[in-house]
Amino acid sequence: YNQALKDHPSIPDEIAQGKFDTLLGWLNTNIHQHGRKFNGAELTRRVTGEDIQSDSYIAYLTDKFSGIYGL
């Protein structure tokens, strides 16, 4: 998701308006079309140019649940 946001910063605003075309297009181009051609680690490396990073996922979870639970 972070890479999709880097490529298309307007995605959150579009989602807030109920528009998912940009995100779905990005997913189709960068993720879905590859199907089982690459494993998760290789696909992540191809899309982001980096190995899988836990930092991005932890930041996502912290942001999401801080708002929900007032952390």
Protein backbone atom coordinates (compact mmCIF):
# COMPACT_ATOMS: atom_id res chain seq x y z
CA TYR A 1 0.00 0.00 0.00
CA ASN A 2 2.85 2.38 0.80
CA GLN A 3 4.27 1.90 -2.67
CA ALA A 4 0.86 2.53 -4.22
CA LEU A 5 0.68 5.79 -2.23
CA LYS A 6 4.15 6.79 -3.40
CA ASP A 7 3.10 6.17 -6.99
CA HIS A 8 -0.35 7.77 -6.60
CA PRO A 9 -0.59 10.13 -3.59
CA SER A 10 -4.25 10.86 -4.38
CA ILE A 11 -5.38 7.34 -3.42
CA PRO A 12 -6.57 8.16 0.15
CA ASP A 13 -8.68 11.09 -1.10
CA GLU A 14 -10.12 8.95 -3.88
CA ILE A 15 -10.99 6.15 -1.45
CA ALA A 16 -12.69 8.70 0.84
CA GLN A 17 -14.86 9.63 -2.17
CA GLY A 18 -15.67 5.98 -2.83
CA LYS A 19 -13.42 5.83 -5.89
CA PHE A 20 -11.15 2.81 -6.08
CA ASP A 21 -10.13 2.85 -9.76
CA THR A 22 -6.60 4.17 -9.21
CA LEU A 23 -5.82 1.69 -6.44
CA LEU A 24 -7.36 -1.23 -8.30
CA GLY A 25 -5.46 -0.27 -11.45
CA TRP A 26 -2.21 -0.15 -9.49
CA LEU A 27 -2.92 -3.51 -7.87
CA ASN A 28 -3.77 -5.10 -11.21
CA THR A 29 -0.62 -3.76 -12.86
CA ASN A 30 1.81 -4.38 -10.03
CA ILE A 31 0.40 -7.32 -8.07
CA HIS A 32 -2.50 -9.26 -9.57
CA GLN A 33 -1.16 -9.76 -13.09
CA HIS A 34 1.80 -11.67 -11.70
CA GLY A 35 -0.39 -14.30 -10.04
CA ARG A 36 1.78 -17.16 -8.91
CA LYS A 37 4.73 -16.15 -11.04
CA PHE A 38 6.62 -14.71 -8.02
CA ASN A 39 6.60 -15.56 -4.33
CA GLY A 40 5.71 -12.83 -1.83
CA ALA A 41 9.28 -11.81 -1.08
CA GLU A 42 10.24 -11.57 -4.75
CA LEU A 43 7.08 -9.67 -5.68
CA THR A 44 7.68 -7.20 -2.85
CA ARG A 45 11.24 -6.67 -4.05
CA ARG A 46 10.08 -6.14 -7.65
CA VAL A 47 7.37 -3.64 -6.67
CA THR A 48 9.21 -1.66 -3.98
CA GLY A 49 12.84 -2.28 -4.85
CA GLU A 50 13.39 -3.46 -1.27
CA ASP A 51 13.09 -6.64 0.74
CA ILE A 52 10.01 -7.09 2.91
CA GLN A 53 10.14 -4.58 5.76
CA SER A 54 8.25 -5.00 9.01
CA ASP A 55 8.55 -1.25 9.69
CA SER A 56 5.88 -0.35 7.13
CA TYR A 57 3.45 -2.92 8.49
CA ILE A 58 4.04 -1.88 12.10
CA ALA A 59 3.51 1.78 11.17
CA TYR A 60 0.26 0.85 9.39
CA LEU A 61 -1.01 -1.12 12.41
CA THR A 62 -0.01 1.64 14.83
CA ASP A 63 -1.78 4.28 12.75
CA LYS A 64 -4.90 2.17 12.31
CA PHE A 65 -5.34 0.99 15.87
CA SER A 66 -4.23 4.20 17.56
CA GLY A 67 -7.25 5.93 16.08
CA ILE A 68 -9.63 3.09 16.87
CA TYR A 69 -8.50 2.48 20.44
CA GLY A 70 -7.17 5.92 21.34
CA LEU A 71 -3.64 4.66 21.89
